[in-house]
């Protein structure tokens, strides 16, 4: 990433991808941050609200006491940037 930054390219590392226990709140934070970066805060908030409603609707159907699943999210590894 240092090579990219040296060339004047700004980097945003997502909150959702860098937490050992990633949660939807991290995704919402990412959307807020990206909305700020691109001056689209209102659109970001609309997306967050829509996502929160979907999560709420699903929780109403399946409940909140469901067993936790282990998931692997592989993004291609590290140090593969120019």
N, C-alpha and C. Protein backbone atom coordinates (compact mmCIF):
# COMPACT_ATOMS: atom_id res chain seq x y z
N UNK A 1 0.81 -1.19 0.00
CA UNK A 1 0.00 0.00 0.00
C UNK A 1 0.86 1.26 0.00
N UNK A 2 2.04 1.16 0.55
CA UNK A 2 2.91 2.33 0.59
C UNK A 2 3.22 2.82 -0.82
N UNK A 3 3.41 1.88 -1.76
CA UNK A 3 3.68 2.28 -3.14
C UNK A 3 2.51 3.05 -3.73
N UNK A 4 1.33 2.62 -3.41
CA UNK A 4 0.14 3.29 -3.92
C UNK A 4 0.05 4.70 -3.34
N UNK A 5 0.26 4.82 -2.03
CA UNK A 5 0.19 6.13 -1.38
C UNK A 5 1.28 7.06 -1.89
N UNK A 6 2.47 6.53 -2.18
CA UNK A 6 3.55 7.36 -2.71
C UNK A 6 3.18 7.98 -4.05
N UNK A 7 2.28 7.34 -4.77
CA UNK A 7 1.81 7.85 -6.06
C UNK A 7 0.59 8.74 -5.93
N UNK A 8 0.28 9.14 -4.70
CA UNK A 8 -0.80 10.09 -4.48
C UNK A 8 -2.20 9.51 -4.45
N UNK A 9 -2.31 8.20 -4.39
CA UNK A 9 -3.63 7.57 -4.34
C UNK A 9 -4.02 7.41 -2.88
N UNK A 10 -5.18 7.93 -2.52
CA UNK A 10 -5.67 7.80 -1.15
C UNK A 10 -6.27 6.41 -0.97
N UNK A 11 -6.10 5.87 0.23
CA UNK A 11 -6.57 4.52 0.54
C UNK A 11 -7.56 4.58 1.69
N UNK A 12 -8.63 3.82 1.56
CA UNK A 12 -9.60 3.67 2.65
C UNK A 12 -9.64 2.19 3.02
N UNK A 13 -9.32 1.87 4.26
CA UNK A 13 -9.42 0.50 4.74
C UNK A 13 -10.75 0.34 5.47
N UNK A 14 -11.53 -0.57 5.00
CA UNK A 14 -12.87 -0.72 5.56
C UNK A 14 -12.85 -1.25 6.99
N UNK A 15 -13.75 -0.72 7.79
CA UNK A 15 -13.91 -1.18 9.18
C UNK A 15 -14.39 -2.62 9.20
N UNK A 16 -15.30 -2.95 8.32
CA UNK A 16 -15.91 -4.27 8.31
C UNK A 16 -14.96 -5.40 7.99
N UNK A 17 -13.87 -5.11 7.29
CA UNK A 17 -12.97 -6.17 6.89
C UNK A 17 -11.77 -6.35 7.79
N UNK A 18 -11.64 -5.51 8.82
CA UNK A 18 -10.43 -5.57 9.64
C UNK A 18 -10.70 -5.74 11.13
N UNK A 19 -11.80 -6.36 11.47
CA UNK A 19 -12.11 -6.65 12.86
C UNK A 19 -12.18 -8.15 13.04
N UNK A 20 -11.62 -8.65 14.12
CA UNK A 20 -11.71 -10.09 14.34
C UNK A 20 -13.15 -10.59 14.46
N UNK A 21 -14.01 -9.74 14.97
CA UNK A 21 -15.43 -10.09 15.10
C UNK A 21 -16.25 -9.03 14.37
N UNK A 22 -16.20 -9.06 13.06
CA UNK A 22 -16.89 -8.06 12.24
C UNK A 22 -18.40 -8.11 12.48
N UNK A 23 -19.00 -6.94 12.54
CA UNK A 23 -20.44 -6.83 12.81
C UNK A 23 -21.07 -5.89 11.79
N UNK A 24 -22.37 -5.92 11.71
CA UNK A 24 -23.08 -5.03 10.79
C UNK A 24 -22.78 -3.56 11.10
N UNK A 25 -22.54 -3.24 12.35
CA UNK A 25 -22.23 -1.86 12.72
C UNK A 25 -20.98 -1.38 11.99
N UNK A 26 -20.04 -2.28 11.74
CA UNK A 26 -18.84 -1.92 10.99
C UNK A 26 -19.19 -1.59 9.54
N UNK A 27 -20.11 -2.35 8.98
CA UNK A 27 -20.55 -2.10 7.61
C UNK A 27 -21.25 -0.75 7.54
N UNK A 28 -22.08 -0.45 8.51
CA UNK A 28 -22.77 0.84 8.54
C UNK A 28 -21.76 1.98 8.67
N UNK A 29 -20.73 1.79 9.48
CA UNK A 29 -19.67 2.80 9.62
C UNK A 29 -18.96 3.00 8.30
N UNK A 30 -18.68 1.90 7.59
CA UNK A 30 -18.04 2.01 6.28
C UNK A 30 -18.90 2.82 5.31
N UNK A 31 -20.18 2.53 5.30
CA UNK A 31 -21.08 3.28 4.40
C UNK A 31 -21.10 4.76 4.76
N UNK A 32 -21.13 5.07 6.05
CA UNK A 32 -21.09 6.48 6.47
C UNK A 32 -19.80 7.14 6.01
N UNK A 33 -18.68 6.46 6.21
CA UNK A 33 -17.38 7.02 5.83
C UNK A 33 -17.26 7.21 4.32
N UNK A 34 -17.70 6.23 3.57
CA UNK A 34 -17.65 6.34 2.11
C UNK A 34 -18.59 7.44 1.63
N UNK A 35 -19.74 7.57 2.28
CA UNK A 35 -20.65 8.66 1.96
C UNK A 35 -19.99 10.01 2.16
N UNK A 36 -19.23 10.15 3.24
CA UNK A 36 -18.51 11.40 3.50
C UNK A 36 -17.43 11.64 2.46
N UNK A 37 -16.68 10.58 2.14
CA UNK A 37 -15.59 10.71 1.16
C UNK A 37 -16.11 11.23 -0.18
N UNK A 38 -17.24 10.70 -0.62
CA UNK A 38 -17.78 11.06 -1.93
C UNK A 38 -18.90 12.10 -1.86
N UNK A 39 -19.05 12.73 -0.68
CA UNK A 39 -20.07 13.77 -0.49
C UNK A 39 -21.46 13.23 -0.83
N UNK A 40 -21.75 12.03 -0.35
CA UNK A 40 -23.04 11.37 -0.58
C UNK A 40 -23.61 10.87 0.74
N UNK A 41 -23.52 11.72 1.77
CA UNK A 41 -23.97 11.30 3.11
C UNK A 41 -25.44 10.90 3.14
N UNK A 42 -26.28 11.65 2.42
CA UNK A 42 -27.72 11.34 2.44
C UNK A 42 -27.98 9.97 1.81
N UNK A 43 -27.33 9.68 0.70
CA UNK A 43 -27.52 8.38 0.04
C UNK A 43 -27.00 7.25 0.93
N UNK A 44 -25.87 7.48 1.58
CA UNK A 44 -25.32 6.48 2.49
C UNK A 44 -26.31 6.19 3.62
N UNK A 45 -26.91 7.23 4.18
CA UNK A 45 -27.87 7.03 5.26
C UNK A 45 -29.11 6.28 4.77
N UNK A 46 -29.53 6.55 3.55
CA UNK A 46 -30.67 5.82 2.97
C UNK A 46 -30.34 4.32 2.88
N UNK A 47 -29.14 4.02 2.40
CA UNK A 47 -28.73 2.61 2.29
C UNK A 47 -28.65 1.95 3.66
N UNK A 48 -28.10 2.66 4.63
CA UNK A 48 -27.99 2.12 5.99
C UNK A 48 -29.38 1.83 6.55
N UNK A 49 -30.29 2.77 6.39
CA UNK A 49 -31.66 2.58 6.90
C UNK A 49 -32.33 1.40 6.24
N UNK A 50 -32.14 1.27 4.93
CA UNK A 50 -32.73 0.14 4.19
C UNK A 50 -32.16 -1.19 4.69
N UNK A 51 -30.85 -1.23 4.89
CA UNK A 51 -30.20 -2.45 5.38
C UNK A 51 -30.66 -2.78 6.80
N UNK A 52 -30.75 -1.76 7.66
CA UNK A 52 -31.19 -1.98 9.04
C UNK A 52 -32.61 -2.54 9.07
N UNK A 53 -33.47 -2.05 8.18
CA UNK A 53 -34.84 -2.56 8.12
C UNK A 53 -34.85 -4.02 7.69
N UNK A 54 -34.03 -4.36 6.70
CA UNK A 54 -33.97 -5.76 6.25
C UNK A 54 -33.48 -6.67 7.37
N UNK A 55 -32.45 -6.24 8.09
CA UNK A 55 -31.93 -7.03 9.21
C UNK A 55 -33.02 -7.21 10.26
N UNK A 56 -33.71 -6.13 10.57
CA UNK A 56 -34.79 -6.19 11.56
C UNK A 56 -35.91 -7.14 11.12
N UNK A 57 -36.28 -7.06 9.84
CA UNK A 57 -37.33 -7.94 9.31
C UNK A 57 -36.93 -9.41 9.41
N UNK A 58 -35.69 -9.70 9.09
CA UNK A 58 -35.20 -11.09 9.18
C UNK A 58 -35.19 -11.55 10.62
N UNK A 59 -34.72 -10.68 11.53
CA UNK A 59 -34.67 -11.06 12.95
C UNK A 59 -36.07 -11.33 13.50
N UNK A 60 -37.07 -10.63 13.00
CA UNK A 60 -38.44 -10.89 13.44
C UNK A 60 -38.90 -12.29 13.04
N UNK A 61 -38.43 -12.75 11.89
CA UNK A 61 -38.82 -14.07 11.39
C UNK A 61 -38.03 -15.18 12.07
N UNK A 62 -36.71 -15.02 12.17
CA UNK A 62 -35.88 -16.11 12.69
C UNK A 62 -35.52 -15.96 14.16
N UNK A 63 -35.76 -14.78 14.72
CA UNK A 63 -35.40 -14.53 16.10
C UNK A 63 -33.94 -14.12 16.21
N UNK A 64 -33.53 -13.77 17.39
CA UNK A 64 -32.16 -13.30 17.59
C UNK A 64 -31.30 -14.34 18.31
N UNK A 65 -31.88 -15.45 18.71
CA UNK A 65 -31.13 -16.48 19.44
C UNK A 65 -30.70 -17.62 18.54
N UNK A 66 -30.35 -17.30 17.31
CA UNK A 66 -29.90 -18.34 16.39
C UNK A 66 -28.44 -18.66 16.65
N UNK A 67 -28.01 -19.89 16.36
CA UNK A 67 -26.61 -20.24 16.59
C UNK A 67 -25.69 -19.42 15.68
N UNK A 68 -24.53 -19.08 16.20
CA UNK A 68 -23.56 -18.31 15.43
C UNK A 68 -22.84 -19.25 14.46
N UNK A 69 -22.63 -18.77 13.24
CA UNK A 69 -21.93 -19.53 12.23
C UNK A 69 -20.51 -18.99 12.07
N UNK A 70 -19.59 -19.87 11.78
CA UNK A 70 -18.23 -19.45 11.47
C UNK A 70 -18.13 -19.28 9.96
N UNK A 71 -17.58 -18.15 9.54
CA UNK A 71 -17.50 -17.83 8.12
C UNK A 71 -16.08 -17.39 7.79
N UNK A 72 -15.57 -17.84 6.66
CA UNK A 72 -14.27 -17.40 6.18
C UNK A 72 -14.50 -16.40 5.06
N UNK A 73 -13.95 -15.21 5.20
CA UNK A 73 -14.04 -14.16 4.18
C UNK A 73 -12.63 -13.93 3.65
N UNK A 74 -12.31 -14.53 2.51
CA UNK A 74 -10.97 -14.44 1.94
C UNK A 74 -10.97 -13.42 0.81
N UNK A 75 -10.09 -12.43 0.89
CA UNK A 75 -10.07 -11.38 -0.12
C UNK A 75 -8.85 -11.43 -1.02
N UNK A 76 -8.17 -12.51 -1.07
CA UNK A 76 -7.03 -12.65 -1.96
C UNK A 76 -5.69 -12.56 -1.25
N UNK A 77 -5.69 -12.32 0.03
CA UNK A 77 -4.44 -12.29 0.77
C UNK A 77 -3.85 -10.90 0.89
N UNK A 78 -2.72 -10.83 1.55
CA UNK A 78 -2.06 -9.55 1.80
C UNK A 78 -0.83 -9.43 0.89
N UNK A 79 -0.35 -8.21 0.82
CA UNK A 79 0.89 -7.90 0.08
C UNK A 79 0.81 -8.23 -1.40
N UNK A 80 -0.38 -8.21 -1.96
CA UNK A 80 -0.49 -8.44 -3.39
C UNK A 80 -0.81 -7.15 -4.13
N UNK A 81 -0.62 -6.02 -3.45
CA UNK A 81 -0.83 -4.72 -4.09
C UNK A 81 0.49 -4.26 -4.69
N UNK A 82 0.42 -3.47 -5.73
CA UNK A 82 1.65 -2.98 -6.40
C UNK A 82 2.47 -2.12 -5.47
